[in-house]
C-alpha atoms as a PDB file:
ATOM      1  CA  MET A   1     102.501  59.696  62.106  1.00  0.00           C
ATOM      2  CA  SER A   2     105.118  62.448  61.926  1.00  0.00           C
ATOM      3  CA  GLY A   3     107.786  63.135  64.507  1.00  0.00           C
ATOM      4  CA  ILE A   4     110.295  60.737  65.988  1.00  0.00           C
ATOM      5  CA  PHE A   5     108.585  57.352  65.760  1.00  0.00           C
ATOM      6  CA  ALA A   6     111.606  55.306  66.871  1.00  0.00           C
ATOM      7  CA  ALA A   7     114.582  56.012  69.115  1.00  0.00           C
ATOM      8  CA  ILE A   8     117.474  53.585  69.316  1.00  0.00           C
ATOM      9  CA  THR A   9     120.848  53.060  70.970  1.00  0.00           C
ATOM     10  CA  VAL A  10     123.635  51.581  68.866  1.00  0.00           C
ATOM     11  CA  SER A  11     127.318  50.846  69.285  1.00  0.00           C
ATOM     12  CA  HIS A  12     130.041  52.458  67.202  1.00  0.00           C
ATOM     13  CA  VAL A  13     133.307  50.820  68.285  1.00  0.00           C
ATOM     14  CA  PRO A  14     135.838  50.978  65.417  1.00  0.00           C
ATOM     15  CA  THR A  15     136.168  47.195  65.247  1.00  0.00           C
ATOM     16  CA  LEU A  16     132.608  47.121  63.876  1.00  0.00           C
ATOM     17  CA  SER A  17     133.731  49.026  60.782  1.00  0.00           C
ATOM     18  CA  ARG A  18     135.275  46.064  58.944  1.00  0.00           C
ATOM     19  CA  ALA A  19     134.259  42.411  59.237  1.00  0.00           C
ATOM     20  CA  GLU A  20     137.841  41.173  59.189  1.00  0.00           C
ATOM     21  CA  ILE A  21     138.705  42.999  62.428  1.00  0.00           C
ATOM     22  CA  THR A  22     135.464  42.351  64.354  1.00  0.00           C
ATOM     23  CA  PRO A  23     135.998  39.906  67.237  1.00  0.00           C
ATOM     24  CA  ASP A  24     133.451  37.133  67.614  1.00  0.00           C
ATOM     25  CA  PHE A  25     132.008  38.591  70.822  1.00  0.00           C
ATOM     26  CA  GLN A  26     131.094  41.835  69.009  1.00  0.00           C
ATOM     27  CA  ARG A  27     129.444  40.284  65.959  1.00  0.00           C
ATOM     28  CA  THR A  28     126.121  40.362  67.792  1.00  0.00           C
ATOM     29  CA  LEU A  29     126.278  44.172  67.647  1.00  0.00           C
ATOM     30  CA  ILE A  30     126.701  44.220  63.865  1.00  0.00           C
ATOM     31  CA  ASP A  31     123.947  41.649  63.371  1.00  0.00           C
ATOM     32  CA  ALA A  32     121.610  43.632  65.629  1.00  0.00           C
ATOM     33  CA  GLU A  33     122.245  46.921  63.821  1.00  0.00           C
ATOM     34  CA  GLN A  34     121.724  45.318  60.422  1.00  0.00           C
ATOM     35  CA  ARG A  35     118.474  43.632  61.500  1.00  0.00           C
ATOM     36  CA  LEU A  36     117.228  46.810  63.154  1.00  0.00           C
ATOM     37  CA  GLY A  37     118.097  48.879  60.104  1.00  0.00           C
ATOM     38  CA  GLU A  38     116.070  46.576  57.855  1.00  0.00           C
ATOM     39  CA  LYS A  39     113.101  46.795  60.198  1.00  0.00           C
ATOM     40  CA  LEU A  40     113.196  50.570  60.494  1.00  0.00           C
ATOM     41  CA  ARG A  41     113.775  51.236  56.792  1.00  0.00           C
ATOM     42  CA  ALA A  42     110.734  49.085  56.042  1.00  0.00           C
ATOM     43  CA  ALA A  43     108.683  51.627  58.018  1.00  0.00           C
ATOM     44  CA  LYS A  44     109.607  54.282  55.402  1.00  0.00           C
ATOM     45  CA  PRO A  45     111.142  57.006  57.580  1.00  0.00           C
ATOM     46  CA  ASP A  46     112.313  60.257  56.046  1.00  0.00           C
ATOM     47  CA  LEU A  47     115.579  60.605  57.912  1.00  0.00           C
ATOM     48  CA  TRP A  48     117.968  59.507  60.628  1.00  0.00           C
ATOM     49  CA  VAL A  49     118.831  62.065  63.296  1.00  0.00           C
ATOM     50  CA  ILE A  50     122.036  60.754  64.846  1.00  0.00           C
ATOM     51  CA  ALA A  51     123.746  62.004  68.007  1.00  0.00           C
ATOM     52  CA  SER A  52     127.315  60.789  68.344  1.00  0.00           C
ATOM     53  CA  THR A  53     129.506  60.782  71.438  1.00  0.00           C
ATOM     54  CA  HIS A  54     132.489  61.253  69.108  1.00  0.00           C
ATOM     55  CA  TRP A  55     131.358  64.557  67.640  1.00  0.00           C
ATOM     56  CA  VAL A  56     132.152  66.721  70.645  1.00  0.00           C
ATOM     57  CA  SER A  57     131.197  70.397  70.827  1.00  0.00           C
ATOM     58  CA  THR A  58     132.388  72.470  73.744  1.00  0.00           C
ATOM     59  CA  PHE A  59     129.732  75.193  73.848  1.00  0.00           C
ATOM     60  CA  ASN A  60     127.044  75.076  71.137  1.00  0.00           C
ATOM     61  CA  TRP A  61     124.620  72.573  69.703  1.00  0.00           C
ATOM     62  CA  PHE A  62     124.940  72.059  65.956  1.00  0.00           C
ATOM     63  CA  ALA A  63     122.948  70.351  63.234  1.00  0.00           C
ATOM     64  CA  THR A  64     124.525  69.313  59.951  1.00  0.00           C
ATOM     65  CA  CYS A  65     122.839  71.518  57.339  1.00  0.00           C
ATOM     66  CA  GLN A  66     124.643  70.192  54.247  1.00  0.00           C
ATOM     67  CA  SER A  67     122.469  68.888  51.412  1.00  0.00           C
ATOM     68  CA  VAL A  68     124.926  66.043  50.853  1.00  0.00           C
ATOM     69  CA  HIS A  69     127.232  64.401  53.375  1.00  0.00           C
ATOM     70  CA  GLN A  70     130.257  63.118  51.519  1.00  0.00           C
ATOM     71  CA  GLY A  71     133.794  62.447  52.630  1.00  0.00           C
ATOM     72  CA  ILE A  72     136.274  60.000  54.094  1.00  0.00           C
ATOM     73  CA  CYS A  73     135.751  58.793  57.655  1.00  0.00           C
ATOM     74  CA  VAL A  74     138.917  58.147  59.677  1.00  0.00           C
ATOM     75  CA  ALA A  75     138.837  57.084  63.320  1.00  0.00           C
ATOM     76  CA  ASP A  76     141.181  59.741  64.654  1.00  0.00           C
ATOM     77  CA  GLU A  77     141.852  57.775  67.836  1.00  0.00           C
ATOM     78  CA  ALA A  78     142.279  54.461  65.977  1.00  0.00           C
ATOM     79  CA  PRO A  79     143.426  55.075  62.384  1.00  0.00           C
ATOM     80  CA  ASP A  80     144.845  51.551  62.319  1.00  0.00           C
ATOM     81  CA  LEU A  81     141.298  50.184  62.659  1.00  0.00           C
ATOM     82  CA  LEU A  82     139.442  52.709  60.496  1.00  0.00           C
ATOM     83  CA  PRO A  83     142.064  54.309  58.245  1.00  0.00           C
ATOM     84  CA  GLY A  84     139.613  55.872  55.806  1.00  0.00           C
ATOM     85  CA  VAL A  85     136.268  54.786  54.390  1.00  0.00           C
ATOM     86  CA  PRO A  86     134.299  56.858  51.851  1.00  0.00           C
ATOM     87  CA  TYR A  87     130.655  57.704  52.544  1.00  0.00           C
ATOM     88  CA  ARG A  88     127.898  59.614  50.792  1.00  0.00           C
ATOM     89  CA  TYR A  89     124.433  60.231  52.285  1.00  0.00           C
ATOM     90  CA  ARG A  90     121.778  62.852  51.625  1.00  0.00           C
ATOM     91  CA  GLY A  91     121.213  65.594  54.145  1.00  0.00           C
ATOM     92  CA  ASP A  92     118.022  67.436  55.097  1.00  0.00           C
ATOM     93  CA  PRO A  93     118.920  71.151  55.273  1.00  0.00           C
ATOM     94  CA  GLU A  94     115.329  72.222  55.929  1.00  0.00           C
ATOM     95  CA  PHE A  95     114.997  70.005  58.982  1.00  0.00           C
ATOM     96  CA  ALA A  96     118.470  70.853  60.266  1.00  0.00           C
ATOM     97  CA  GLY A  97     117.885  74.600  59.962  1.00  0.00           C
ATOM     98  CA  ALA A  98     114.507  74.330  61.667  1.00  0.00           C
ATOM     99  CA  LEU A  99     116.074  72.321  64.487  1.00  0.00           C
ATOM    100  CA  VAL A 100     118.723  74.976  65.109  1.00  0.00           C
ATOM    101  CA  ALA A 101     115.983  77.621  65.217  1.00  0.00           C
ATOM    102  CA  ALA A 102     113.902  75.520  67.615  1.00  0.00           C
ATOM    103  CA  TRP A 103     116.846  75.014  69.962  1.00  0.00           C
ATOM    104  CA  ASN A 104     117.603  78.719  70.048  1.00  0.00           C
ATOM    105  CA  ALA A 105     113.925  79.503  70.677  1.00  0.00           C
ATOM    106  CA  ALA A 106     114.135  77.167  73.677  1.00  0.00           C
ATOM    107  CA  ASP A 107     117.260  78.975  75.008  1.00  0.00           C
ATOM    108  CA  ILE A 108     119.498  76.104  73.930  1.00  0.00           C
ATOM    109  CA  PRO A 109     122.501  77.748  72.196  1.00  0.00           C
ATOM    110  CA  ALA A 110     122.707  76.376  68.665  1.00  0.00           C
ATOM    111  CA  VAL A 111     124.477  77.151  65.390  1.00  0.00           C
ATOM    112  CA  ARG A 112     124.212  75.755  61.869  1.00  0.00           C
ATOM    113  CA  ASN A 113     126.979  73.467  60.612  1.00  0.00           C
ATOM    114  CA  ASP A 114     127.245  74.502  56.951  1.00  0.00           C
ATOM    115  CA  SER A 115     130.934  73.716  56.490  1.00  0.00           C
ATOM    116  CA  PRO A 116     131.631  72.148  53.077  1.00  0.00           C
ATOM    117  CA  HIS A 117     134.775  70.589  54.598  1.00  0.00           C
ATOM    118  CA  TYR A 118     133.107  68.904  57.565  1.00  0.00           C
ATOM    119  CA  ALA A 119     133.780  65.147  57.808  1.00  0.00           C
ATOM    120  CA  TRP A 120     131.870  62.597  59.846  1.00  0.00           C
ATOM    121  CA  ASP A 121     133.308  61.121  63.025  1.00  0.00           C
ATOM    122  CA  TYR A 122     133.292  57.346  63.301  1.00  0.00           C
ATOM    123  CA  GLY A 123     130.489  57.436  65.863  1.00  0.00           C
ATOM    124  CA  THR A 124     128.271  58.708  63.064  1.00  0.00           C
ATOM    125  CA  TYR A 125     129.637  56.580  60.231  1.00  0.00           C
ATOM    126  CA  VAL A 126     129.958  53.129  61.820  1.00  0.00           C
ATOM    127  CA  PRO A 127     126.335  52.560  62.937  1.00  0.00           C
ATOM    128  CA  LEU A 128     124.873  54.138  59.789  1.00  0.00           C
ATOM    129  CA  SER A 129     127.003  51.825  57.654  1.00  0.00           C
ATOM    130  CA  HIS A 130     125.016  48.942  59.174  1.00  0.00           C
ATOM    131  CA  LEU A 131     121.627  50.604  59.685  1.00  0.00           C
ATOM    132  CA  ASP A 132     121.515  52.039  56.166  1.00  0.00           C
ATOM    133  CA  PRO A 133     124.343  50.547  54.086  1.00  0.00           C
ATOM    134  CA  ARG A 134     122.895  51.760  50.765  1.00  0.00           C
ATOM    135  CA  ALA A 135     122.365  55.315  52.070  1.00  0.00           C
ATOM    136  CA  GLU A 136     118.632  55.266  51.346  1.00  0.00           C
ATOM    137  CA  LEU A 137     117.637  57.898  53.925  1.00  0.00           C
ATOM    138  CA  ALA A 138     118.644  61.462  54.655  1.00  0.00           C
ATOM    139  CA  VAL A 139     120.843  62.110  57.686  1.00  0.00           C
ATOM    140  CA  VAL A 140     121.138  64.993  60.140  1.00  0.00           C
ATOM    141  CA  GLY A 141     123.914  64.748  62.707  1.00  0.00           C
ATOM    142  CA  VAL A 142     124.102  66.427  66.112  1.00  0.00           C
ATOM    143  CA  PRO A 143     126.959  66.488  68.624  1.00  0.00           C
ATOM    144  CA  THR A 144     127.547  65.856  72.291  1.00  0.00           C
ATOM    145  CA  VAL A 145     127.829  69.259  73.980  1.00  0.00           C
ATOM    146  CA  LEU A 146     130.193  69.445  76.947  1.00  0.00           C
ATOM    147  CA  MET A 147     128.598  72.566  78.449  1.00  0.00           C
ATOM    148  CA  ALA A 148     125.141  70.961  78.304  1.00  0.00           C
ATOM    149  CA  ASN A 149     123.997  69.142  81.424  1.00  0.00           C
ATOM    150  CA  LEU A 150     121.635  66.176  81.325  1.00  0.00           C
ATOM    151  CA  GLU A 151     118.565  68.407  81.613  1.00  0.00           C
ATOM    152  CA  GLU A 152     119.580  70.566  78.649  1.00  0.00           C
ATOM    153  CA  SER A 153     120.376  67.402  76.685  1.00  0.00           C
ATOM    154  CA  ARG A 154     116.904  66.079  77.508  1.00  0.00           C
ATOM    155  CA  ARG A 155     115.277  69.308  76.303  1.00  0.00           C
ATOM    156  CA  ALA A 156     117.335  69.197  73.122  1.00  0.00           C
ATOM    157  CA  GLY A 157     115.918  65.731  72.440  1.00  0.00           C
ATOM    158  CA  ALA A 158     112.358  66.905  72.978  1.00  0.00           C
ATOM    159  CA  ALA A 159     112.950  69.696  70.450  1.00  0.00           C
ATOM    160  CA  ILE A 160     114.130  67.134  67.891  1.00  0.00           C
ATOM    161  CA  HIS A 161     110.813  65.306  68.143  1.00  0.00           C
ATOM    162  CA  ASP A 162     108.812  68.545  68.073  1.00  0.00           C
ATOM    163  CA  THR A 163     110.682  69.792  64.987  1.00  0.00           C
ATOM    164  CA  ALA A 164     110.133  66.549  63.119  1.00  0.00           C
ATOM    165  CA  ARG A 165     106.434  66.601  63.974  1.00  0.00           C
ATOM    166  CA  ARG A 166     106.042  70.254  62.926  1.00  0.00           C
ATOM    167  CA  LEU A 167     107.753  69.643  59.580  1.00  0.00           C
ATOM    168  CA  GLY A 168     105.861  66.423  58.915  1.00  0.00           C
ATOM    169  CA  ARG A 169     108.979  64.254  59.008  1.00  0.00           C
ATOM    170  CA  ARG A 170     108.927  60.620  60.081  1.00  0.00           C
ATOM    171  CA  ALA A 171     112.303  60.296  61.737  1.00  0.00           C
ATOM    172  CA  VAL A 172     114.421  57.853  63.713  1.00  0.00           C
ATOM    173  CA  PHE A 173     116.622  59.176  66.511  1.00  0.00           C
ATOM    174  CA  VAL A 174     119.906  57.281  66.763  1.00  0.00           C
ATOM    175  CA  ALA A 175     121.904  57.469  70.001  1.00  0.00           C
ATOM    176  CA  SER A 176     125.402  56.357  69.032  1.00  0.00           C
ATOM    177  CA  THR A 177     126.813  55.581  72.455  1.00  0.00           C
ATOM    178  CA  ALA A 178     127.885  52.892  74.849  1.00  0.00           C
ATOM    179  CA  LEU A 179     126.202  52.473  78.222  1.00  0.00           C
ATOM    180  CA  SER A 180     128.932  52.071  80.861  1.00  0.00           C
ATOM    181  CA  HIS A 181     132.242  53.370  79.561  1.00  0.00           C
ATOM    182  CA  ALA A 182     135.115  52.915  82.034  1.00  0.00           C
ATOM    183  CA  LEU A 183     137.723  51.976  79.460  1.00  0.00           C
ATOM    184  CA  VAL A 184     140.725  49.691  79.882  1.00  0.00           C
ATOM    185  CA  ARG A 185     143.258  48.380  77.388  1.00  0.00           C
ATOM    186  CA  GLY A 186     142.150  45.128  75.766  1.00  0.00           C
ATOM    187  CA  ARG A 187     138.867  45.038  73.864  1.00  0.00           C
ATOM    188  CA  HIS A 188     137.965  41.627  75.330  1.00  0.00           C
ATOM    189  CA  HIS A 189     137.549  43.082  78.838  1.00  0.00           C
ATOM    190  CA  MET A 190     134.006  43.261  80.232  1.00  0.00           C
ATOM    191  CA  PRO A 191     132.804  46.072  82.491  1.00  0.00           C
ATOM    192  CA  THR A 192     132.997  45.362  86.205  1.00  0.00           C
ATOM    193  CA  PHE A 193     130.200  43.278  87.708  1.00  0.00           C
ATOM    194  CA  GLU A 194     128.790  46.422  89.326  1.00  0.00           C
ATOM    195  CA  ARG A 195     128.672  48.299  86.040  1.00  0.00           C
ATOM    196  CA  ILE A 196     127.176  45.336  84.198  1.00  0.00           C
ATOM    197  CA  ALA A 197     124.398  45.356  86.798  1.00  0.00           C
ATOM    198  CA  LEU A 198     123.814  49.066  86.185  1.00  0.00           C
ATOM    199  CA  ASP A 199     123.704  48.499  82.418  1.00  0.00           C
ATOM    200  CA  ARG A 200     121.253  45.649  82.894  1.00  0.00           C
ATOM    201  CA  ARG A 201     118.965  47.865  84.957  1.00  0.00           C
ATOM    202  CA  PHE A 202     119.099  50.554  82.253  1.00  0.00           C
ATOM    203  CA  ILE A 203     118.201  47.948  79.627  1.00  0.00           C
ATOM    204  CA  ASP A 204     115.381  46.536  81.767  1.00  0.00           C
ATOM    205  CA  LEU A 205     113.847  49.964  82.412  1.00  0.00           C
ATOM    206  CA  MET A 206     114.026  50.957  78.763  1.00  0.00           C
ATOM    207  CA  THR A 207     112.593  47.706  77.460  1.00  0.00           C
ATOM    208  CA  ALA A 208     109.772  48.135  79.991  1.00  0.00           C
ATOM    209  CA  GLY A 209     109.081  51.609  78.598  1.00  0.00           C
ATOM    210  CA  LYS A 210     109.728  53.277  81.976  1.00  0.00           C
ATOM    211  CA  ILE A 211     111.108  56.490  80.522  1.00  0.00           C
ATOM    212  CA  ALA A 212     110.228  58.766  83.452  1.00  0.00           C
ATOM    213  CA  GLU A 213     111.959  56.403  85.864  1.00  0.00           C
ATOM    214  CA  LEU A 214     114.990  56.262  83.592  1.00  0.00           C
ATOM    215  CA  LEU A 215     115.184  60.045  83.442  1.00  0.00           C
ATOM    216  CA  ASP A 216     115.008  60.292  87.234  1.00  0.00           C
ATOM    217  CA  TRP A 217     117.755  57.676  87.615  1.00  0.00           C
ATOM    218  CA  LEU A 218     119.981  58.870  84.765  1.00  0.00           C
ATOM    219  CA  PRO A 219     122.220  61.195  86.839  1.00  0.00           C
ATOM    220  CA  GLN A 220     122.998  58.370  89.275  1.00  0.00           C
ATOM    221  CA  PHE A 221     123.423  55.843  86.468  1.00  0.00           C
ATOM    222  CA  SER A 222     125.770  58.161  84.588  1.00  0.00           C
ATOM    223  CA  ARG A 223     127.966  58.736  87.646  1.00  0.00           C
ATOM    224  CA  GLU A 224     128.148  55.154  88.852  1.00  0.00           C
ATOM    225  CA  SER A 225     128.497  53.500  85.453  1.00  0.00           C
ATOM    226  CA  ALA A 226     130.911  56.075  84.005  1.00  0.00           C
ATOM    227  CA  ALA A 227     128.429  56.448  81.129  1.00  0.00           C
ATOM    228  CA  GLU A 228     129.934  57.558  77.833  1.00  0.00           C
ATOM    229  CA  MET A 229     130.191  61.357  77.684  1.00  0.00           C
ATOM    230  CA  GLY A 230     128.410  61.604  81.018  1.00  0.00           C
ATOM    231  CA  GLY A 231     125.186  60.109  79.636  1.00  0.00           C
ATOM    232  CA  ARG A 232     124.439  63.199  77.534  1.00  0.00           C
ATOM    233  CA  VAL A 233     123.466  61.314  74.370  1.00  0.00           C
ATOM    234  CA  LEU A 234     121.325  58.951  76.432  1.00  0.00           C
ATOM    235  CA  ALA A 235     119.585  62.008  77.915  1.00  0.00           C
ATOM    236  CA  THR A 236     118.896  63.362  74.420  1.00  0.00           C
ATOM    237  CA  MET A 237     117.372  60.036  73.411  1.00  0.00           C
ATOM    238  CA  LEU A 238     115.250  59.910  76.558  1.00  0.00           C
ATOM    239  CA  GLY A 239     114.063  63.459  75.842  1.00  0.00           C
ATOM    240  CA  CYS A 240     112.836  62.238  72.458  1.00  0.00           C
ATOM    241  CA  LEU A 241     111.088  59.287  74.081  1.00  0.00           C
ATOM    242  CA  GLU A 242     109.473  61.451  76.753  1.00  0.00           C
ATOM    243  CA  ALA A 243     108.122  63.783  74.057  1.00  0.00           C
ATOM    244  CA  MET A 244     106.846  60.802  72.065  1.00  0.00           C
ATOM    245  CA  GLN A 245     104.957  59.550  75.117  1.00  0.00           C
ATOM    246  CA  GLN A 246     103.555  62.997  75.856  1.00  0.00           C
ATOM    247  CA  ASP A 247     102.089  63.017  72.353  1.00  0.00           C
ATOM    248  CA  GLY A 248     100.067  60.011  73.425  1.00  0.00           C
ATOM    249  CA  GLY A 249     102.304  57.378  71.943  1.00  0.00           C
ATOM    250  CA  ALA A 250     102.516  54.067  73.785  1.00  0.00           C
ATOM    251  CA  LEU A 251     106.031  52.687  73.371  1.00  0.00           C
ATOM    252  CA  ALA A 252     107.008  49.208  72.257  1.00  0.00           C
ATOM    253  CA  CYS A 253     110.570  48.622  73.441  1.00  0.00           C
ATOM    254  CA  GLU A 254     113.029  45.805  72.846  1.00  0.00           C
ATOM    255  CA  MET A 255     116.661  44.793  72.917  1.00  0.00           C
ATOM    256  CA  ILE A 256     118.060  43.311  69.712  1.00  0.00           C
ATOM    257  CA  GLY A 257     120.979  40.912  69.949  1.00  0.00           C
ATOM    258  CA  ASP A 258     123.176  40.470  72.995  1.00  0.00           C
ATOM    259  CA  TYR A 259     125.040  42.751  75.355  1.00  0.00           C
ATOM    260  CA  ALA A 260     128.711  42.974  74.380  1.00  0.00           C
ATOM    261  CA  GLN A 261     131.909  44.477  75.664  1.00  0.00           C
ATOM    262  CA  SER A 262     134.608  46.640  74.157  1.00  0.00           C
ATOM    263  CA  SER A 263     137.625  47.532  76.281  1.00  0.00           C
ATOM    264  CA  GLY A 264     135.605  47.666  79.477  1.00  0.00           C
ATOM    265  CA  SER A 265     132.539  49.393  78.015  1.00  0.00           C
ATOM    266  CA  GLY A 266     129.056  47.897  77.882  1.00  0.00           C
ATOM    267  CA  ASN A 267     127.135  47.998  74.606  1.00  0.00           C
ATOM    268  CA  ALA A 268     123.553  47.134  73.688  1.00  0.00           C
ATOM    269  CA  THR A 269     121.237  47.692  70.734  1.00  0.00           C
ATOM    270  CA  LEU A 270     117.938  49.033  72.066  1.00  0.00           C
ATOM    271  CA  CYS A 271     114.866  50.198  70.169  1.00  0.00           C
ATOM    272  CA  ALA A 272     111.734  52.018  71.318  1.00  0.00           C
ATOM    273  CA  THR A 273     108.994  52.659  68.769  1.00  0.00           C
ATOM    274  CA  VAL A 274     105.589  54.249  68.950  1.00  0.00           C
ATOM    275  CA  ALA A 275     103.072  51.417  68.974  1.00  0.00           C
ATOM    276  CA  GLY A 276     101.330  51.443  65.610  1.00  0.00           C
ATOM    277  CA  GLY A 277     103.994  53.753  64.179  1.00  0.00           C
ATOM    278  CA  GLY A 278     104.847  51.345  61.410  1.00  0.00           C
ATOM    279  CA  ALA A 279     108.081  49.845  62.731  1.00  0.00           C
END
């Protein structure tokens, strides 16, 4: 089937970028992303569409329209942890251009990112380095948009699925984001008990395939959990999943690995696939 056949949440904390700096309690996140990447690549997708909470756009939605993504990724907020790692992945300019057009047709303000000097943020690089370490698949990146509310972010996700289906692409949507995200100094710190409970409910609803219930609850979850970037990337993922269900796809949902902390944030590797979609 074409369209988004899998939508996943993955962590991107900089300590996952190099094995020698990954604390033991976060190794479950690397293992989960590597296992999930193997499973999804075996389903022969055409591309990853990745939304990162660390590519932040104030006004417009963008899609990376470059034919090749190549550069050096530096974690600008933590250059001691990720001082510069080279990457090279294929792009999909046709899909990216069609996505920008689809967003604009849906009154979602969008612009092409054609800059030859554009470099990936670490929220894009870190999970892809584990999901697809040999750069086998094409990549299209999209940002978190500050002026977009959760509803617009949901509609943007639905347009991603619709564009992939229209172009005959089998694609995976990657939500590079934490769940709760009330940060404190010290990466060993867990979220508060209240926020862990909220994260657990989010995980339980998603693994049960209750996407409509999650969408209804997302504004409350985002406020009370201090969700990363206000839950916008989660809303985009849920918009993809809602569109997948509306196309008649029953979802098979699971959590891979364990829940893990990073400086007060809660992180989980979650995967929802269309039953019979090959993953």
